[in-house]
C-alpha atoms as a PDB file:
ATOM      1  CA  MET A   1      63.262 -39.324 -14.850  1.00  0.00           C
ATOM      2  CA  ARG A   2      61.962 -41.806 -17.390  1.00  0.00           C
ATOM      3  CA  VAL A   3      58.309 -41.577 -18.485  1.00  0.00           C
ATOM      4  CA  ARG A   4      56.884 -45.078 -18.679  1.00  0.00           C
ATOM      5  CA  ALA A   5      55.446 -45.213 -22.168  1.00  0.00           C
ATOM      6  CA  ALA A   6      55.520 -43.890 -25.694  1.00  0.00           C
ATOM      7  CA  ILE A   7      57.044 -40.537 -24.807  1.00  0.00           C
ATOM      8  CA  THR A   8      60.495 -41.876 -23.961  1.00  0.00           C
ATOM      9  CA  ALA A   9      62.172 -45.207 -24.606  1.00  0.00           C
ATOM     10  CA  ALA A  10      59.202 -46.578 -26.491  1.00  0.00           C
ATOM     11  CA  ALA A  11      59.144 -43.553 -28.762  1.00  0.00           C
ATOM     12  CA  PHE A  12      62.232 -44.821 -30.493  1.00  0.00           C
ATOM     13  CA  LEU A  13      60.874 -48.282 -31.252  1.00  0.00           C
ATOM     14  CA  PRO A  14      59.663 -48.265 -34.879  1.00  0.00           C
ATOM     15  CA  ILE A  15      57.908 -51.633 -34.517  1.00  0.00           C
ATOM     16  CA  LEU A  16      56.931 -53.779 -31.567  1.00  0.00           C
ATOM     17  CA  THR A  17      58.561 -57.176 -31.848  1.00  0.00           C
ATOM     18  CA  ALA A  18      58.154 -60.360 -29.881  1.00  0.00           C
ATOM     19  CA  GLY A  19      60.475 -60.596 -26.888  1.00  0.00           C
ATOM     20  CA  PRO A  20      61.042 -62.377 -23.593  1.00  0.00           C
ATOM     21  CA  ALA A  21      58.368 -62.392 -20.900  1.00  0.00           C
ATOM     22  CA  PHE A  22      59.576 -59.315 -19.003  1.00  0.00           C
ATOM     23  CA  ALA A  23      57.440 -57.198 -16.679  1.00  0.00           C
ATOM     24  CA  VAL A  24      57.631 -55.118 -13.444  1.00  0.00           C
ATOM     25  CA  ALA A  25      61.323 -55.021 -12.512  1.00  0.00           C
ATOM     26  CA  HIS A  26      62.155 -57.483  -9.720  1.00  0.00           C
ATOM     27  CA  GLY A  27      58.493 -58.369  -9.272  1.00  0.00           C
ATOM     28  CA  SER A  28      56.810 -61.776  -9.244  1.00  0.00           C
ATOM     29  CA  ASP A  29      54.416 -63.686 -11.487  1.00  0.00           C
ATOM     30  CA  VAL A  30      50.723 -62.988 -11.010  1.00  0.00           C
ATOM     31  CA  PRO A  31      48.918 -66.312 -10.426  1.00  0.00           C
ATOM     32  CA  ALA A  32      46.388 -67.395 -13.042  1.00  0.00           C
ATOM     33  CA  GLY A  33      42.945 -65.929 -12.533  1.00  0.00           C
ATOM     34  CA  GLN A  34      44.039 -62.840 -10.582  1.00  0.00           C
ATOM     35  CA  TYR A  35      43.989 -59.141 -11.457  1.00  0.00           C
ATOM     36  CA  GLY A  36      41.910 -59.532 -14.594  1.00  0.00           C
ATOM     37  CA  PHE A  37      41.326 -55.780 -14.484  1.00  0.00           C
ATOM     38  CA  ALA A  38      45.003 -55.115 -15.323  1.00  0.00           C
ATOM     39  CA  ALA A  39      44.964 -53.914 -18.935  1.00  0.00           C
ATOM     40  CA  LYS A  40      47.615 -54.182 -21.613  1.00  0.00           C
ATOM     41  CA  VAL A  41      47.178 -51.254 -23.999  1.00  0.00           C
ATOM     42  CA  THR A  42      48.790 -51.824 -27.408  1.00  0.00           C
ATOM     43  CA  MET A  43      49.094 -48.934 -29.856  1.00  0.00           C
ATOM     44  CA  THR A  44      50.188 -48.867 -33.502  1.00  0.00           C
ATOM     45  CA  GLY A  45      50.706 -46.085 -36.027  1.00  0.00           C
ATOM     46  CA  ILE A  46      51.739 -43.486 -33.452  1.00  0.00           C
ATOM     47  CA  PRO A  47      52.926 -40.409 -35.391  1.00  0.00           C
ATOM     48  CA  SER A  48      56.469 -39.174 -34.873  1.00  0.00           C
ATOM     49  CA  PRO A  49      57.798 -35.650 -35.600  1.00  0.00           C
ATOM     50  CA  ASN A  50      59.760 -36.858 -38.646  1.00  0.00           C
ATOM     51  CA  GLY A  51      56.575 -38.078 -40.330  1.00  0.00           C
ATOM     52  CA  GLY A  52      57.083 -41.736 -39.493  1.00  0.00           C
ATOM     53  CA  ALA A  53      55.129 -43.970 -37.138  1.00  0.00           C
ATOM     54  CA  TYR A  54      55.857 -46.523 -34.441  1.00  0.00           C
ATOM     55  CA  GLY A  55      54.140 -48.825 -31.964  1.00  0.00           C
ATOM     56  CA  SER A  56      54.132 -48.861 -28.187  1.00  0.00           C
ATOM     57  CA  VAL A  57      52.472 -50.337 -25.100  1.00  0.00           C
ATOM     58  CA  CYS A  58      50.987 -48.893 -21.914  1.00  0.00           C
ATOM     59  CA  SER A  59      49.350 -50.526 -18.932  1.00  0.00           C
ATOM     60  CA  GLY A  60      45.998 -49.602 -17.391  1.00  0.00           C
ATOM     61  CA  ALA A  61      43.048 -50.722 -15.300  1.00  0.00           C
ATOM     62  CA  LEU A  62      39.387 -51.438 -15.954  1.00  0.00           C
ATOM     63  CA  VAL A  63      37.318 -49.017 -13.827  1.00  0.00           C
ATOM     64  CA  SER A  64      33.904 -49.730 -15.343  1.00  0.00           C
ATOM     65  CA  PRO A  65      32.664 -52.256 -17.923  1.00  0.00           C
ATOM     66  CA  GLY A  66      33.230 -49.802 -20.782  1.00  0.00           C
ATOM     67  CA  TRP A  67      36.261 -47.794 -19.686  1.00  0.00           C
ATOM     68  CA  ILE A  68      39.878 -48.187 -18.637  1.00  0.00           C
ATOM     69  CA  LEU A  69      42.017 -45.697 -16.763  1.00  0.00           C
ATOM     70  CA  THR A  70      45.600 -45.167 -17.889  1.00  0.00           C
ATOM     71  CA  THR A  71      48.248 -42.470 -18.125  1.00  0.00           C
ATOM     72  CA  GLY A  72      47.316 -39.440 -20.191  1.00  0.00           C
ATOM     73  CA  HIS A  73      50.620 -39.294 -22.052  1.00  0.00           C
ATOM     74  CA  CYS A  74      49.833 -42.643 -23.687  1.00  0.00           C
ATOM     75  CA  PHE A  75      47.631 -40.672 -26.117  1.00  0.00           C
ATOM     76  CA  HIS A  76      49.336 -37.782 -27.865  1.00  0.00           C
ATOM     77  CA  ASP A  77      49.994 -36.065 -31.193  1.00  0.00           C
ATOM     78  CA  ALA A  78      53.217 -36.104 -33.207  1.00  0.00           C
ATOM     79  CA  HIS A  79      54.671 -33.490 -30.857  1.00  0.00           C
ATOM     80  CA  ARG A  80      53.699 -35.543 -27.812  1.00  0.00           C
ATOM     81  CA  ASN A  81      50.984 -33.193 -26.626  1.00  0.00           C
ATOM     82  CA  ARG A  82      48.231 -35.095 -24.839  1.00  0.00           C
ATOM     83  CA  VAL A  83      45.015 -35.315 -26.864  1.00  0.00           C
ATOM     84  CA  SER A  84      41.339 -35.959 -26.164  1.00  0.00           C
ATOM     85  CA  GLY A  85      38.551 -37.073 -28.467  1.00  0.00           C
ATOM     86  CA  PRO A  86      38.539 -39.932 -30.974  1.00  0.00           C
ATOM     87  CA  VAL A  87      41.454 -42.267 -30.292  1.00  0.00           C
ATOM     88  CA  PRO A  88      44.437 -40.792 -32.201  1.00  0.00           C
ATOM     89  CA  TYR A  89      45.806 -44.159 -33.444  1.00  0.00           C
ATOM     90  CA  PRO A  90      44.715 -47.806 -33.445  1.00  0.00           C
ATOM     91  CA  THR A  91      44.658 -48.985 -29.834  1.00  0.00           C
ATOM     92  CA  THR A  92      43.780 -52.427 -28.479  1.00  0.00           C
ATOM     93  CA  VAL A  93      43.118 -53.315 -24.843  1.00  0.00           C
ATOM     94  CA  THR A  94      43.591 -56.848 -23.504  1.00  0.00           C
ATOM     95  CA  LEU A  95      42.185 -57.881 -20.104  1.00  0.00           C
ATOM     96  CA  GLY A  96      41.449 -61.009 -18.091  1.00  0.00           C
ATOM     97  CA  LEU A  97      44.751 -62.870 -18.441  1.00  0.00           C
ATOM     98  CA  VAL A  98      48.215 -63.128 -16.902  1.00  0.00           C
ATOM     99  CA  ASP A  99      50.136 -64.962 -19.667  1.00  0.00           C
ATOM    100  CA  GLU A 100      49.635 -64.153 -23.337  1.00  0.00           C
ATOM    101  CA  GLN A 101      51.357 -67.385 -24.360  1.00  0.00           C
ATOM    102  CA  LYS A 102      48.752 -69.506 -22.546  1.00  0.00           C
ATOM    103  CA  GLU A 103      45.552 -67.428 -22.450  1.00  0.00           C
ATOM    104  CA  LYS A 104      43.468 -65.386 -24.880  1.00  0.00           C
ATOM    105  CA  GLY A 105      41.842 -62.978 -22.445  1.00  0.00           C
ATOM    106  CA  VAL A 106      39.314 -60.350 -23.502  1.00  0.00           C
ATOM    107  CA  THR A 107      40.170 -57.881 -26.267  1.00  0.00           C
ATOM    108  CA  ARG A 108      38.546 -54.544 -27.041  1.00  0.00           C
ATOM    109  CA  LYS A 109      39.320 -51.534 -29.225  1.00  0.00           C
ATOM    110  CA  VAL A 110      39.597 -48.011 -27.821  1.00  0.00           C
ATOM    111  CA  THR A 111      37.271 -45.509 -29.481  1.00  0.00           C
ATOM    112  CA  GLN A 112      37.573 -42.328 -27.406  1.00  0.00           C
ATOM    113  CA  VAL A 113      40.013 -40.678 -25.004  1.00  0.00           C
ATOM    114  CA  LEU A 114      39.243 -38.199 -22.223  1.00  0.00           C
ATOM    115  CA  GLN A 115      42.179 -36.409 -20.594  1.00  0.00           C
ATOM    116  CA  ALA A 116      41.980 -35.428 -16.921  1.00  0.00           C
ATOM    117  CA  GLY A 117      42.990 -31.940 -15.835  1.00  0.00           C
ATOM    118  CA  PRO A 118      44.707 -32.246 -12.429  1.00  0.00           C
ATOM    119  CA  ASN A 119      47.249 -34.914 -13.361  1.00  0.00           C
ATOM    120  CA  ASP A 120      48.582 -37.174 -16.121  1.00  0.00           C
ATOM    121  CA  VAL A 121      45.534 -39.462 -16.385  1.00  0.00           C
ATOM    122  CA  ALA A 122      43.150 -40.432 -19.180  1.00  0.00           C
ATOM    123  CA  LEU A 123      39.980 -42.454 -19.531  1.00  0.00           C
ATOM    124  CA  ALA A 124      39.800 -44.660 -22.621  1.00  0.00           C
ATOM    125  CA  LYS A 125      36.428 -45.852 -23.886  1.00  0.00           C
ATOM    126  CA  LEU A 126      36.101 -49.438 -25.139  1.00  0.00           C
ATOM    127  CA  ASP A 127      34.109 -50.370 -28.226  1.00  0.00           C
ATOM    128  CA  SER A 128      31.912 -52.678 -26.131  1.00  0.00           C
ATOM    129  CA  PRO A 129      31.539 -53.357 -22.378  1.00  0.00           C
ATOM    130  CA  VAL A 130      33.621 -56.033 -20.653  1.00  0.00           C
ATOM    131  CA  THR A 131      31.363 -58.172 -18.468  1.00  0.00           C
ATOM    132  CA  GLU A 132      33.784 -61.032 -17.767  1.00  0.00           C
ATOM    133  CA  VAL A 133      36.121 -58.986 -15.548  1.00  0.00           C
ATOM    134  CA  THR A 134      35.499 -57.237 -12.224  1.00  0.00           C
ATOM    135  CA  PRO A 135      36.582 -53.571 -12.453  1.00  0.00           C
ATOM    136  CA  LEU A 136      38.656 -51.870  -9.790  1.00  0.00           C
ATOM    137  CA  THR A 137      36.819 -49.520  -7.427  1.00  0.00           C
ATOM    138  CA  VAL A 138      38.163 -45.962  -7.583  1.00  0.00           C
ATOM    139  CA  ASN A 139      39.436 -44.740  -4.211  1.00  0.00           C
ATOM    140  CA  LYS A 140      37.778 -41.565  -2.886  1.00  0.00           C
ATOM    141  CA  LEU A 141      39.927 -40.970   0.203  1.00  0.00           C
ATOM    142  CA  VAL A 142      43.292 -39.222   0.534  1.00  0.00           C
ATOM    143  CA  PRO A 143      46.047 -41.879   0.488  1.00  0.00           C
ATOM    144  CA  GLY A 144      48.253 -42.174   3.555  1.00  0.00           C
ATOM    145  CA  THR A 145      52.028 -42.089   3.850  1.00  0.00           C
ATOM    146  CA  GLY A 146      53.286 -45.593   4.631  1.00  0.00           C
ATOM    147  CA  GLN A 147      50.294 -47.316   3.017  1.00  0.00           C
ATOM    148  CA  GLN A 148      51.308 -50.438   1.085  1.00  0.00           C
ATOM    149  CA  LEU A 149      49.952 -51.009  -2.414  1.00  0.00           C
ATOM    150  CA  THR A 150      50.156 -53.686  -5.075  1.00  0.00           C
ATOM    151  CA  LEU A 151      51.474 -52.782  -8.525  1.00  0.00           C
ATOM    152  CA  ALA A 152      50.498 -54.927 -11.520  1.00  0.00           C
ATOM    153  CA  GLY A 153      51.785 -54.138 -14.993  1.00  0.00           C
ATOM    154  CA  TRP A 154      52.891 -55.330 -18.421  1.00  0.00           C
ATOM    155  CA  GLY A 155      56.150 -53.365 -18.454  1.00  0.00           C
ATOM    156  CA  SER A 156      59.748 -54.364 -19.002  1.00  0.00           C
ATOM    157  CA  LEU A 157      62.084 -56.010 -16.504  1.00  0.00           C
ATOM    158  CA  THR A 158      64.948 -53.734 -17.470  1.00  0.00           C
ATOM    159  CA  ALA A 159      65.647 -50.285 -18.878  1.00  0.00           C
ATOM    160  CA  THR A 160      68.232 -51.798 -21.218  1.00  0.00           C
ATOM    161  CA  LYS A 161      66.556 -52.496 -24.572  1.00  0.00           C
ATOM    162  CA  PRO A 162      63.119 -52.618 -22.879  1.00  0.00           C
ATOM    163  CA  THR A 163      60.541 -55.022 -24.261  1.00  0.00           C
ATOM    164  CA  PRO A 164      56.790 -55.109 -23.452  1.00  0.00           C
ATOM    165  CA  SER A 165      55.784 -58.075 -21.344  1.00  0.00           C
ATOM    166  CA  THR A 166      53.912 -61.198 -22.334  1.00  0.00           C
ATOM    167  CA  LYS A 167      53.307 -61.977 -18.641  1.00  0.00           C
ATOM    168  CA  LEU A 168      51.652 -59.857 -15.972  1.00  0.00           C
ATOM    169  CA  GLN A 169      53.867 -59.189 -12.943  1.00  0.00           C
ATOM    170  CA  GLN A 170      53.222 -57.725  -9.509  1.00  0.00           C
ATOM    171  CA  GLY A 171      55.088 -56.100  -6.660  1.00  0.00           C
ATOM    172  CA  THR A 172      54.432 -54.385  -3.336  1.00  0.00           C
ATOM    173  CA  VAL A 173      55.296 -50.732  -2.810  1.00  0.00           C
ATOM    174  CA  LYS A 174      54.884 -48.209  -0.002  1.00  0.00           C
ATOM    175  CA  ILE A 175      53.652 -44.610  -0.283  1.00  0.00           C
ATOM    176  CA  THR A 176      56.476 -42.179   0.504  1.00  0.00           C
ATOM    177  CA  THR A 177      54.873 -38.765   0.029  1.00  0.00           C
ATOM    178  CA  VAL A 178      51.396 -37.443  -0.790  1.00  0.00           C
ATOM    179  CA  GLY A 179      51.140 -34.416  -3.069  1.00  0.00           C
ATOM    180  CA  ALA A 180      48.152 -32.446  -4.328  1.00  0.00           C
ATOM    181  CA  ALA A 181      47.574 -34.752  -7.308  1.00  0.00           C
ATOM    182  CA  THR A 182      50.321 -37.375  -7.008  1.00  0.00           C
ATOM    183  CA  VAL A 183      51.858 -39.829  -4.582  1.00  0.00           C
ATOM    184  CA  THR A 184      55.400 -41.157  -4.666  1.00  0.00           C
ATOM    185  CA  VAL A 185      56.100 -44.796  -3.862  1.00  0.00           C
ATOM    186  CA  HIS A 186      59.118 -47.049  -3.394  1.00  0.00           C
ATOM    187  CA  GLY A 187      59.617 -50.788  -3.636  1.00  0.00           C
ATOM    188  CA  VAL A 188      59.055 -53.152  -0.701  1.00  0.00           C
ATOM    189  CA  SER A 189      58.557 -56.700  -2.001  1.00  0.00           C
ATOM    190  CA  PRO A 190      59.809 -59.007  -3.455  1.00  0.00           C
ATOM    191  CA  ALA A 191      62.773 -56.591  -3.232  1.00  0.00           C
ATOM    192  CA  ALA A 192      63.627 -53.036  -2.239  1.00  0.00           C
ATOM    193  CA  ASP A 193      64.198 -52.251  -5.904  1.00  0.00           C
ATOM    194  CA  THR A 194      60.890 -53.683  -7.112  1.00  0.00           C
ATOM    195  CA  SER A 195      59.745 -50.925  -9.465  1.00  0.00           C
ATOM    196  CA  ALA A 196      57.761 -49.959 -12.516  1.00  0.00           C
ATOM    197  CA  CYS A 197      59.611 -49.861 -15.822  1.00  0.00           C
ATOM    198  CA  ALA A 198      59.197 -48.872 -19.466  1.00  0.00           C
ATOM    199  CA  PHE A 199      55.710 -49.731 -20.815  1.00  0.00           C
ATOM    200  CA  ASP A 200      54.232 -49.629 -17.280  1.00  0.00           C
ATOM    201  CA  SER A 201      52.676 -46.175 -17.794  1.00  0.00           C
ATOM    202  CA  GLY A 202      49.134 -46.335 -16.455  1.00  0.00           C
ATOM    203  CA  ALA A 203      49.729 -49.488 -14.399  1.00  0.00           C
ATOM    204  CA  PRO A 204      47.438 -49.612 -11.347  1.00  0.00           C
ATOM    205  CA  TYR A 205      48.569 -49.282  -7.738  1.00  0.00           C
ATOM    206  CA  PHE A 206      45.784 -50.803  -5.690  1.00  0.00           C
ATOM    207  CA  VAL A 207      44.655 -52.607  -2.550  1.00  0.00           C
ATOM    208  CA  PRO A 208      43.487 -56.105  -3.612  1.00  0.00           C
ATOM    209  CA  SER A 209      40.109 -57.371  -2.448  1.00  0.00           C
ATOM    210  CA  GLY A 210      38.500 -60.522  -3.826  1.00  0.00           C
ATOM    211  CA  ALA A 211      38.319 -60.450  -7.611  1.00  0.00           C
ATOM    212  CA  GLY A 212      38.866 -56.691  -7.673  1.00  0.00           C
ATOM    213  CA  GLY A 213      40.223 -54.110  -5.294  1.00  0.00           C
ATOM    214  CA  GLN A 214      40.533 -50.401  -4.646  1.00  0.00           C
ATOM    215  CA  LEU A 215      42.533 -48.306  -7.095  1.00  0.00           C
ATOM    216  CA  ILE A 216      44.730 -45.711  -5.348  1.00  0.00           C
ATOM    217  CA  SER A 217      46.927 -44.338  -8.138  1.00  0.00           C
ATOM    218  CA  ILE A 218      48.416 -45.125 -11.542  1.00  0.00           C
ATOM    219  CA  GLU A 219      52.016 -45.145 -12.783  1.00  0.00           C
ATOM    220  CA  THR A 220      53.322 -41.917 -14.285  1.00  0.00           C
ATOM    221  CA  ASN A 221      57.133 -41.830 -14.302  1.00  0.00           C
ATOM    222  CA  GLY A 222      60.353 -42.622 -12.460  1.00  0.00           C
ATOM    223  CA  PRO A 223      64.058 -43.473 -12.800  1.00  0.00           C
ATOM    224  CA  ASP A 224      65.415 -46.281 -14.954  1.00  0.00           C
ATOM    225  CA  CYS A 225      64.469 -49.634 -13.476  1.00  0.00           C
ATOM    226  CA  PRO A 226      65.125 -51.518 -11.304  1.00  0.00           C
ATOM    227  CA  HIS A 227      65.784 -48.904  -8.627  1.00  0.00           C
ATOM    228  CA  THR A 228      65.314 -48.104  -4.947  1.00  0.00           C
ATOM    229  CA  SER A 229      64.287 -44.489  -5.527  1.00  0.00           C
ATOM    230  CA  THR A 230      60.712 -43.220  -5.722  1.00  0.00           C
ATOM    231  CA  GLU A 231      58.190 -43.455  -8.549  1.00  0.00           C
ATOM    232  CA  THR A 232      55.679 -40.692  -9.243  1.00  0.00           C
ATOM    233  CA  THR A 233      52.100 -41.929  -9.514  1.00  0.00           C
ATOM    234  CA  SER A 234      48.848 -40.060 -10.180  1.00  0.00           C
ATOM    235  CA  ARG A 235      46.214 -40.052  -7.445  1.00  0.00           C
ATOM    236  CA  VAL A 236      42.745 -41.185  -8.514  1.00  0.00           C
ATOM    237  CA  ASP A 237      40.826 -39.904  -5.473  1.00  0.00           C
ATOM    238  CA  VAL A 238      41.151 -36.342  -6.819  1.00  0.00           C
ATOM    239  CA  LEU A 239      39.506 -37.595 -10.029  1.00  0.00           C
ATOM    240  CA  ALA A 240      36.846 -39.822  -8.483  1.00  0.00           C
ATOM    241  CA  ASP A 241      33.892 -37.573  -9.343  1.00  0.00           C
ATOM    242  CA  TRP A 242      35.217 -36.972 -12.884  1.00  0.00           C
ATOM    243  CA  ILE A 243      35.698 -40.719 -13.428  1.00  0.00           C
ATOM    244  CA  ALA A 244      32.223 -41.519 -12.090  1.00  0.00           C
ATOM    245  CA  ALA A 245      30.628 -38.880 -14.318  1.00  0.00           C
ATOM    246  CA  ASN A 246      32.331 -40.077 -17.503  1.00  0.00           C
ATOM    247  CA  ALA A 247      33.018 -43.802 -17.124  1.00  0.00           C
ATOM    248  CA  LYS A 248      29.399 -44.921 -17.412  1.00  0.00           C
END
């Protein structure tokens, strides 16, 4: 299994460098103006056990004007233990765009992190509310096996020398199993091996609706991409009350 953010492949990147416009493996381009809630989370100065530091990227989703939801393991100490409280290293969130080479989007700094208990999920507080983007609605119902979801993320196209994306990509997946705090999914479209990849940690799986949609789960981990196996994602319905109480 390959965790989709700073804990694995990204942990060995000392510096983030410019690269090709890669994203969700075997996905498709997101048209301009869609999925503005899909967040690119860029982190610098992450401490490593040897005393050094590196940079990484996660994905996420705006769930209220002042908060994004992402994977908990995106925020950790030098020993990769998840942490809550003041953001542990400089973290920038970019929203409201699909192509960094053509659009500026909306940028905010993260100031605080709250880790969820039941699964690998965190809320990240922004330094000021985002009013230009419609947040995703957090699902409150138990997901169903066979339900199809859209994935949108800023991850790599490949597990070989993965590079964070400069373009937002999307794909369709289907729920395979429903666990107590997670659901597994597998690719459907554009291909059977459409899948999340490195730097997709925290990417939303959702049902689109108008400018927003309903958030079902977020990316946690899976095999090297692209693949036809299942990805593990964290259910948000089990956190709905916690999210509502904190993401104000």
